[in-house]
Amino acid sequence: ARIREVHGVGQIYIPQDMDYPALRLDVDRVHAGEMGLTQKDVVDNVITALNSNYMIAPNYWVDRKTGNDYYLTVQYFEHGEPAIHNMTDLGQLPLRDPNQTVVNCGPAAQPPQPGASHTPWACGGKDDTTVLKNVVDVQQVMTPTEIDHYQIQRVIDLYVTPKTEDLGRVTDSIRNILVKEKIPSNVRVSLRGMVQGMEASFKSFALGFTISFILLFLILTAQFKSFIDPFLIMLAIPMGFVGVLIILPLTHSTLNVMSLMGVLMLIGIADSNSILIVDFAHNLERQGLSPADAVVTACRVRLRPILMTSLATIIGMIPMALRLGTGAEQYTPMARAIIGGLTSSVVLTVFIVPAAYLLVYGKRKPESATAESPTTAN
């Protein structure tokens, strides 16, 4: 009932009804043993009477002329006077001992002889009657309609269908409900199905993102021969995350596997823009410009290629983000993540990266001035 109140939950279904009416047969083993019956014999007789003997004693007959085989089943009357109508009729079910030809005795078909004190019985050599009520205590109980197991353990399944694509929010809400509930110590609740695939995908993405971040840092370190420049370049990555976190709620998209793939693609594009600024600024410093003049000139000169690259990517992703065409909704979150992240990255990178560059290298003197100072002294 509490899960039904969660926003985003569609249908809830429990296949195992817990209160289905049933009949419980408590077999008196001692009395049944005296009659030559086991618990299995009693159950087999009841199944044959209420259904058929197909499940407990399958037999078949082969037609020698056609070669066709036919199943032969024994079944009680379903309708009419001989059928079972109530609990009294059920208690009168005769029980057959597999070791004896006839266990149940009944009145003979021929009429009684004149002067006989009792009705003749056709009982195959035995003169007693064994019916269900003599060896079984029948009780009406409530029981599950089915009993399921998962990895040997007994389980009760609760199927929850989300209304929307936001499976993560529904999962978090259900877990919050489970935390507040007082669950017995011998009961364990586990979430399976699409939730497992989602969590496995997020774990794989976290591992892939970490590896890509480390490899990117090592490559930039080797390229620039510095441990500081890679950090300046990677400042563009958080700037892209800002746009992703803004555009996904605005477009009613979720953070799923496809949008995370867009984030991975965004990392490379955003870093390439930042590389243009930092590398060009270092080249201008080698030509004698101060760090402030070098980074300002680098931003002004490299702004055009940055905008051209970013706008080409954004415009190319617009049709995919608009869900144009059949099956486009699968890649829509990825396109929207790239558009939002790249837009914020371009706008913020031209301010954040130069500011960080000045904080690190602002007090450094130009290389040409440093190189000419010994000559002037001489």
Protein backbone atom coordinates (compact mmCIF):
# COMPACT_ATOMS: atom_id res chain seq x y z
CA ALA A 1 0.00 0.00 0.00
CA ARG A 2 2.86 2.39 0.73
CA ILE A 3 4.65 1.56 -2.51
CA ARG A 4 1.48 2.37 -4.47
CA GLU A 5 1.71 5.93 -3.13
CA VAL A 6 5.19 6.42 -4.61
CA HIS A 7 5.27 8.87 -7.51
CA GLY A 8 6.15 7.08 -10.72
CA VAL A 9 4.80 3.65 -9.73
CA GLY A 10 2.32 2.14 -12.19
CA GLN A 11 1.08 -1.31 -11.21
CA ILE A 12 1.91 -3.60 -8.31
CA TYR A 13 1.22 -7.31 -8.53
CA ILE A 14 1.75 -10.19 -6.11
CA PRO A 15 1.27 -13.50 -7.95
CA GLN A 16 1.09 -15.57 -4.77
CA ASP A 17 -2.28 -15.01 -3.08
CA MET A 18 -1.74 -15.56 0.62
CA ASP A 19 -5.35 -16.26 1.62
CA TYR A 20 -6.57 -18.85 -0.84
CA PRO A 21 -9.01 -21.39 0.69
CA ALA A 22 -7.60 -24.90 0.90
CA LEU A 23 -8.18 -28.27 2.53
CA ARG A 24 -5.57 -29.67 4.84
CA LEU A 25 -5.44 -33.44 5.29
CA ASP A 26 -3.95 -34.63 8.57
CA VAL A 27 -3.40 -38.38 8.12
CA ASP A 28 -3.58 -40.62 11.16
CA ARG A 29 -0.46 -42.63 10.39
CA VAL A 30 -1.13 -45.32 12.97
CA HIS A 31 -4.66 -46.05 11.80
CA ALA A 32 -3.66 -45.76 8.14
CA GLY A 33 -0.77 -48.16 8.74
CA GLU A 34 -3.15 -50.71 10.24
CA MET A 35 -5.13 -50.51 7.01
CA GLY A 36 -1.99 -50.97 4.94
CA LEU A 37 -2.04 -47.36 3.72
CA THR A 38 0.70 -44.76 3.60
CA GLN A 39 0.36 -41.00 3.35
CA LYS A 40 1.16 -41.22 -0.34
CA ASP A 41 -1.58 -43.79 -0.86
CA VAL A 42 -4.11 -41.52 0.80
CA VAL A 43 -3.06 -38.49 -1.27
CA ASP A 44 -3.08 -40.51 -4.50
CA ASN A 45 -6.64 -41.65 -3.84
CA VAL A 46 -7.78 -38.10 -3.12
CA ILE A 47 -6.11 -36.75 -6.28
CA THR A 48 -7.73 -39.49 -8.36
CA ALA A 49 -11.14 -38.69 -6.91
CA LEU A 50 -10.93 -34.93 -7.30
CA ASN A 51 -8.99 -34.78 -10.55
CA SER A 52 -7.71 -37.96 -12.21
CA ASN A 53 -4.92 -40.48 -11.91
CA TYR A 54 -2.99 -38.98 -14.83
CA MET A 55 -0.44 -37.27 -12.56
CA ILE A 56 0.10 -40.18 -10.15
CA ALA A 57 -0.36 -43.26 -12.36
CA PRO A 58 -0.15 -42.43 -16.06
CA ASN A 59 -1.24 -45.27 -18.33
CA TYR A 60 -1.64 -45.52 -22.07
CA TRP A 61 -3.05 -47.94 -24.57
CA VAL A 62 -1.66 -48.48 -28.06
CA ASP A 63 -4.06 -49.20 -30.87
CA ARG A 64 -2.47 -52.06 -32.79
CA LYS A 65 -4.32 -51.19 -35.98
CA THR A 66 -3.38 -47.51 -36.22
CA GLY A 67 -0.38 -47.39 -33.89
CA ASN A 68 -1.83 -44.42 -32.01
CA ASP A 69 -1.31 -44.30 -28.26
CA TYR A 70 -4.06 -43.07 -25.95
CA TYR A 71 -3.74 -41.97 -22.37
CA LEU A 72 -6.05 -43.81 -20.02
CA THR A 73 -7.11 -41.90 -16.94
CA VAL A 74 -9.51 -42.74 -14.16
CA GLN A 75 -11.76 -39.95 -12.97
CA TYR A 76 -14.76 -39.66 -10.67
CA PHE A 77 -18.04 -38.20 -11.82
CA GLU A 78 -17.93 -34.40 -12.03
CA HIS A 79 -21.70 -33.95 -12.10
CA GLY A 80 -24.75 -35.81 -11.01
CA GLU A 81 -25.53 -37.83 -7.91
CA PRO A 82 -22.25 -39.85 -7.82
CA ALA A 83 -20.17 -36.65 -7.84
CA ILE A 84 -18.64 -35.05 -4.74
CA HIS A 85 -20.88 -32.20 -3.59
CA ASN A 86 -19.84 -31.40 -0.02
CA MET A 87 -17.44 -32.29 2.78
CA THR A 88 -19.56 -35.32 3.71
CA ASP A 89 -19.14 -36.79 0.25
CA LEU A 90 -15.41 -36.07 0.45
CA GLY A 91 -15.16 -37.96 3.72
CA GLN A 92 -16.81 -40.99 2.11
CA LEU A 93 -14.12 -41.39 -0.53
CA PRO A 94 -13.02 -45.04 -0.58
CA LEU A 95 -9.32 -45.65 -0.16
CA ARG A 96 -7.64 -48.34 -2.22
CA ASP A 97 -4.75 -50.28 -0.75
CA PRO A 98 -2.22 -50.95 -3.53
CA ASN A 99 -1.42 -54.32 -1.91
CA GLN A 100 -5.04 -55.46 -1.91
CA THR A 101 -7.49 -55.78 -4.75
CA VAL A 102 -10.32 -54.10 -2.84
CA VAL A 103 -10.14 -52.27 0.44
CA ASN A 104 -13.49 -50.58 0.33
CA CYS A 105 -16.51 -52.82 0.89
CA GLY A 106 -19.96 -51.93 -0.33
CA PRO A 107 -23.41 -53.49 -0.77
CA ALA A 108 -23.55 -56.22 -3.37
CA ALA A 109 -25.54 -55.74 -6.56
CA GLN A 110 -27.78 -58.82 -5.92
CA PRO A 111 -30.70 -58.47 -3.50
CA PRO A 112 -30.37 -59.93 0.01
CA GLN A 113 -31.46 -63.53 0.60
CA PRO A 114 -34.68 -64.08 2.53
CA GLY A 115 -34.03 -64.30 6.25
CA ALA A 116 -30.55 -62.77 6.00
CA SER A 117 -29.66 -60.53 8.93
CA HIS A 118 -27.52 -58.17 6.91
CA THR A 119 -26.92 -56.95 3.39
CA PRO A 120 -24.32 -58.92 1.40
CA TRP A 121 -21.03 -57.13 0.76
CA ALA A 122 -18.67 -57.38 -2.20
CA CYS A 123 -15.33 -56.74 -0.57
CA GLY A 124 -12.87 -59.02 -2.24
CA GLY A 125 -12.18 -61.11 0.80
CA LYS A 126 -12.21 -58.33 3.40
CA ASP A 127 -15.17 -57.40 5.54
CA ASP A 128 -14.38 -53.83 6.62
CA THR A 129 -14.73 -50.38 5.07
CA THR A 130 -11.91 -47.84 4.78
CA VAL A 131 -12.98 -44.37 3.76
CA LEU A 132 -11.19 -41.04 3.91
CA LYS A 133 -12.78 -39.79 7.12
CA ASN A 134 -11.58 -42.89 9.01
CA VAL A 135 -7.89 -42.08 8.58
CA VAL A 136 -7.83 -38.36 7.75
CA ASP A 137 -8.83 -35.23 9.64
CA VAL A 138 -9.89 -32.64 7.01
CA GLN A 139 -9.48 -28.97 7.96
CA GLN A 140 -10.31 -25.85 6.03
CA VAL A 141 -7.32 -23.48 6.03
CA MET A 142 -5.97 -20.50 4.10
CA THR A 143 -2.82 -21.07 2.07
CA PRO A 144 -0.76 -19.45 -0.74
CA THR A 145 -1.85 -20.25 -4.26
CA GLU A 146 1.74 -21.08 -5.21
CA ILE A 147 5.07 -21.50 -3.45
CA ASP A 148 8.09 -20.08 -5.28
CA HIS A 149 11.79 -20.46 -4.65
CA TYR A 150 14.83 -18.47 -5.74
CA GLN A 151 18.24 -20.08 -5.23
CA ILE A 152 16.61 -22.77 -3.06
CA GLN A 153 15.15 -20.22 -0.63
CA ARG A 154 11.43 -19.58 -0.27
CA VAL A 155 10.42 -16.24 -1.80
CA ILE A 156 7.38 -14.03 -2.21
CA ASP A 157 7.52 -11.89 -5.34
CA LEU A 158 6.32 -8.31 -5.49
CA TYR A 159 6.27 -6.93 -9.04
CA VAL A 160 6.45 -3.14 -9.40
CA THR A 161 5.99 -1.50 -12.81
CA PRO A 162 7.32 2.07 -13.17
CA LYS A 163 5.15 4.61 -14.96
CA THR A 164 8.04 6.61 -16.37
CA GLU A 165 11.66 6.03 -17.32
CA ASP A 166 12.95 7.25 -13.94
CA LEU A 167 13.69 3.85 -12.45
CA GLY A 168 16.32 5.20 -10.06
CA ARG A 169 13.91 7.50 -8.21
CA VAL A 170 11.36 4.70 -7.82
CA THR A 171 14.10 2.39 -6.52
CA ASP A 172 15.29 4.94 -3.96
CA SER A 173 11.72 5.54 -2.75
CA ILE A 174 11.11 1.82 -2.31
CA ARG A 175 14.35 1.42 -0.39
CA ASN A 176 13.39 4.28 1.91
CA ILE A 177 10.10 2.51 2.63
CA LEU A 178 11.92 -0.75 3.38
CA VAL A 179 14.29 1.02 5.76
CA LYS A 180 11.38 2.42 7.77
CA GLU A 181 9.50 -0.88 7.85
CA LYS A 182 10.01 -3.33 10.72
CA ILE A 183 11.04 -6.45 8.82
CA PRO A 184 11.49 -9.68 10.82
CA SER A 185 15.03 -10.91 11.29
CA ASN A 186 14.38 -14.10 9.31
CA VAL A 187 13.16 -12.17 6.24
CA ARG A 188 15.49 -10.61 3.67
CA VAL A 189 14.31 -8.18 0.99
CA SER A 190 16.26 -7.96 -2.27
CA LEU A 191 15.57 -5.91 -5.40
CA ARG A 192 15.94 -7.81 -8.66
CA GLY A 193 15.03 -7.36 -12.30
CA MET A 194 15.80 -4.11 -14.11
CA VAL A 195 17.24 -2.63 -10.93
CA GLN A 196 20.15 -5.07 -11.02
CA GLY A 197 20.97 -4.16 -14.61
CA MET A 198 20.79 -0.46 -13.84
CA GLU A 199 23.10 -0.69 -10.82
CA ALA A 200 25.56 -2.90 -12.71
CA SER A 201 25.65 -0.34 -15.54
CA PHE A 202 26.32 2.50 -13.11
CA LYS A 203 29.14 0.56 -11.47
CA SER A 204 30.68 -0.17 -14.86
CA PHE A 205 30.38 3.49 -15.80
CA ALA A 206 32.04 4.58 -12.56
CA LEU A 207 34.94 2.21 -13.23
CA GLY A 208 35.23 3.32 -16.86
CA PHE A 209 35.09 6.98 -15.89
CA THR A 210 37.84 6.53 -13.31
CA ILE A 211 40.09 4.70 -15.76
CA SER A 212 39.49 7.28 -18.51
CA PHE A 213 40.21 10.12 -16.06
CA ILE A 214 43.50 8.54 -15.00
CA LEU A 215 44.58 7.78 -18.58
CA LEU A 216 43.71 11.30 -19.70
CA PHE A 217 45.71 12.78 -16.86
CA LEU A 218 48.74 10.61 -17.66
CA ILE A 219 48.60 11.49 -21.36
CA LEU A 220 48.37 15.23 -20.64
CA THR A 221 51.17 14.98 -18.12
CA ALA A 222 53.43 13.37 -20.70
CA GLN A 223 52.41 15.85 -23.40
CA PHE A 224 52.87 19.05 -21.36
CA LYS A 225 55.65 17.68 -19.13
CA SER A 226 53.88 19.14 -16.13
CA PHE A 227 51.59 18.01 -13.35
CA ILE A 228 49.84 21.38 -13.11
CA ASP A 229 48.69 21.88 -16.69
CA PRO A 230 46.55 18.68 -16.74
CA PHE A 231 44.59 19.99 -13.76
CA LEU A 232 44.06 23.33 -15.52
CA ILE A 233 42.84 21.55 -18.64
CA MET A 234 40.53 19.22 -16.71
CA LEU A 235 38.74 22.16 -15.10
CA ALA A 236 36.55 22.10 -18.20
CA ILE A 237 35.09 18.72 -17.15
CA PRO A 238 33.18 20.01 -14.07
CA MET A 239 31.98 22.93 -16.20
CA GLY A 240 30.39 20.40 -18.54
CA PHE A 241 28.75 18.53 -15.67
CA VAL A 242 26.95 21.72 -14.69
CA GLY A 243 25.19 21.84 -18.04
CA VAL A 244 24.29 18.15 -17.90
CA LEU A 245 22.70 18.53 -14.46
CA ILE A 246 20.69 21.52 -15.72
CA ILE A 247 19.44 20.26 -19.09
CA LEU A 248 18.35 16.77 -18.03
CA PRO A 249 15.68 17.98 -15.53
CA LEU A 250 14.57 20.74 -17.89
CA THR A 251 13.96 18.26 -20.73
CA HIS A 252 12.45 15.63 -18.39
CA SER A 253 15.28 13.20 -19.17
CA THR A 254 16.82 10.79 -16.73
CA LEU A 255 20.42 10.03 -15.83
CA ASN A 256 20.68 6.64 -17.49
CA VAL A 257 23.26 4.64 -19.40
CA MET A 258 22.84 6.64 -22.61
CA SER A 259 23.15 10.01 -20.87
CA LEU A 260 26.25 8.75 -19.08
CA MET A 261 27.73 7.80 -22.44
CA GLY A 262 27.10 11.37 -23.50
CA VAL A 263 29.04 12.53 -20.43
CA LEU A 264 32.01 10.38 -21.45
CA MET A 265 31.95 11.88 -24.95
CA LEU A 266 31.67 15.32 -23.41
CA ILE A 267 34.91 14.86 -21.46
CA GLY A 268 36.99 14.56 -24.61
CA ILE A 269 35.37 17.51 -26.39
CA ALA A 270 35.57 19.81 -23.36
CA ASP A 271 39.21 18.94 -22.73
CA SER A 272 40.13 19.64 -26.35
CA ASN A 273 38.81 23.20 -26.00
CA SER A 274 40.76 23.72 -22.84
CA ILE A 275 43.93 22.32 -24.42
CA LEU A 276 43.74 24.94 -27.16
CA ILE A 277 43.83 27.76 -24.61
CA VAL A 278 46.53 26.40 -22.31
CA ASP A 279 48.89 25.26 -25.06
CA PHE A 280 48.59 28.50 -27.04
CA ALA A 281 49.14 30.55 -23.90
CA HIS A 282 52.40 28.72 -23.21
CA ASN A 283 53.55 29.36 -26.78
CA LEU A 284 52.83 33.07 -26.41
CA GLU A 285 54.77 33.18 -23.16
CA ARG A 286 57.79 31.70 -24.94
CA GLN A 287 57.51 34.57 -27.41
CA GLY A 288 57.91 37.08 -24.60
CA LEU A 289 54.36 37.92 -23.53
CA SER A 290 53.39 38.09 -19.89
CA PRO A 291 51.10 35.35 -18.52
CA ALA A 292 48.13 37.74 -18.40
CA ASP A 293 48.63 38.97 -21.96
CA ALA A 294 49.33 35.44 -23.18
CA VAL A 295 46.17 33.89 -21.76
CA VAL A 296 43.97 36.78 -22.90
CA THR A 297 45.38 36.56 -26.40
CA ALA A 298 44.99 32.79 -26.39
CA CYS A 299 41.30 33.07 -25.46
CA ARG A 300 40.68 35.68 -28.15
CA VAL A 301 42.52 33.81 -30.90
CA ARG A 302 41.26 30.33 -30.02
CA LEU A 303 37.66 31.38 -29.42
CA ARG A 304 36.74 30.93 -33.09
CA PRO A 305 37.93 27.29 -33.45
CA ILE A 306 36.39 26.47 -30.06
CA LEU A 307 33.02 27.86 -31.13
CA MET A 308 33.21 26.19 -34.55
CA THR A 309 33.94 22.76 -33.04
CA SER A 310 31.34 23.07 -30.30
CA LEU A 311 28.59 24.49 -32.51
CA ALA A 312 29.13 21.78 -35.11
CA THR A 313 28.67 19.14 -32.43
CA ILE A 314 25.65 20.85 -30.85
CA ILE A 315 23.87 21.41 -34.18
CA GLY A 316 24.52 17.81 -35.20
CA MET A 317 22.95 16.56 -31.96
CA ILE A 318 19.78 18.67 -32.22
CA PRO A 319 17.79 16.23 -34.44
CA MET A 320 18.67 13.37 -32.12
CA ALA A 321 17.67 15.43 -29.07
CA LEU A 322 14.27 16.22 -30.62
CA ARG A 323 13.39 12.51 -30.99
CA LEU A 324 12.96 12.74 -34.74
CA GLY A 325 12.43 9.32 -36.26
CA THR A 326 11.57 5.86 -35.04
CA GLY A 327 13.77 4.63 -32.22
CA ALA A 328 15.36 8.04 -31.64
CA GLU A 329 14.18 8.11 -28.03
CA GLN A 330 16.90 5.61 -27.17
CA TYR A 331 19.68 8.10 -27.93
CA THR A 332 17.84 11.25 -26.89
CA PRO A 333 19.32 11.41 -23.33
CA MET A 334 22.84 11.11 -24.77
CA ALA A 335 22.27 13.94 -27.24
CA ARG A 336 20.72 16.20 -24.62
CA ALA A 337 23.56 15.55 -22.19
CA ILE A 338 26.13 16.46 -24.84
CA ILE A 339 24.27 19.63 -25.86
CA GLY A 340 23.81 20.90 -22.31
CA GLY A 341 27.27 19.94 -21.11
CA LEU A 342 29.07 21.32 -24.14
CA THR A 343 27.18 24.61 -23.99
CA SER A 344 28.03 25.23 -20.35
CA SER A 345 31.58 24.03 -20.90
CA VAL A 346 32.22 26.51 -23.73
CA VAL A 347 30.68 29.42 -21.82
CA LEU A 348 32.48 28.72 -18.56
CA THR A 349 35.78 27.37 -19.87
CA VAL A 350 36.81 30.67 -21.48
CA PHE A 351 36.52 32.26 -18.02
CA ILE A 352 37.43 29.54 -15.51
CA VAL A 353 40.50 28.10 -17.27
CA PRO A 354 42.16 31.51 -17.90
CA ALA A 355 41.45 32.56 -14.31
CA ALA A 356 43.05 29.38 -12.98
CA TYR A 357 45.97 29.87 -15.39
CA LEU A 358 46.61 33.34 -13.97
CA LEU A 359 46.39 32.05 -10.39
CA VAL A 360 49.11 29.51 -11.11
CA TYR A 361 51.38 31.32 -13.58
CA GLY A 362 50.44 34.98 -13.01
CA LYS A 363 53.63 35.90 -11.16
CA ARG A 364 55.95 34.14 -13.61
CA LYS A 365 58.18 36.42 -15.68
CA PRO A 366 58.33 36.13 -19.46
CA GLU A 367 61.03 33.79 -20.71
CA SER A 368 62.58 36.39 -23.07
CA ALA A 369 63.01 38.89 -20.24
CA THR A 370 64.60 36.23 -18.07
CA ALA A 371 66.96 35.24 -20.84
CA GLU A 372 68.13 38.85 -21.57
CA SER A 373 68.83 39.84 -17.94
CA PRO A 374 72.40 38.34 -17.78
CA THR A 375 73.42 40.18 -21.00
CA THR A 376 72.21 43.52 -19.65
CA ALA A 377 74.21 43.03 -16.48
CA ASN A 378 77.39 42.44 -18.42
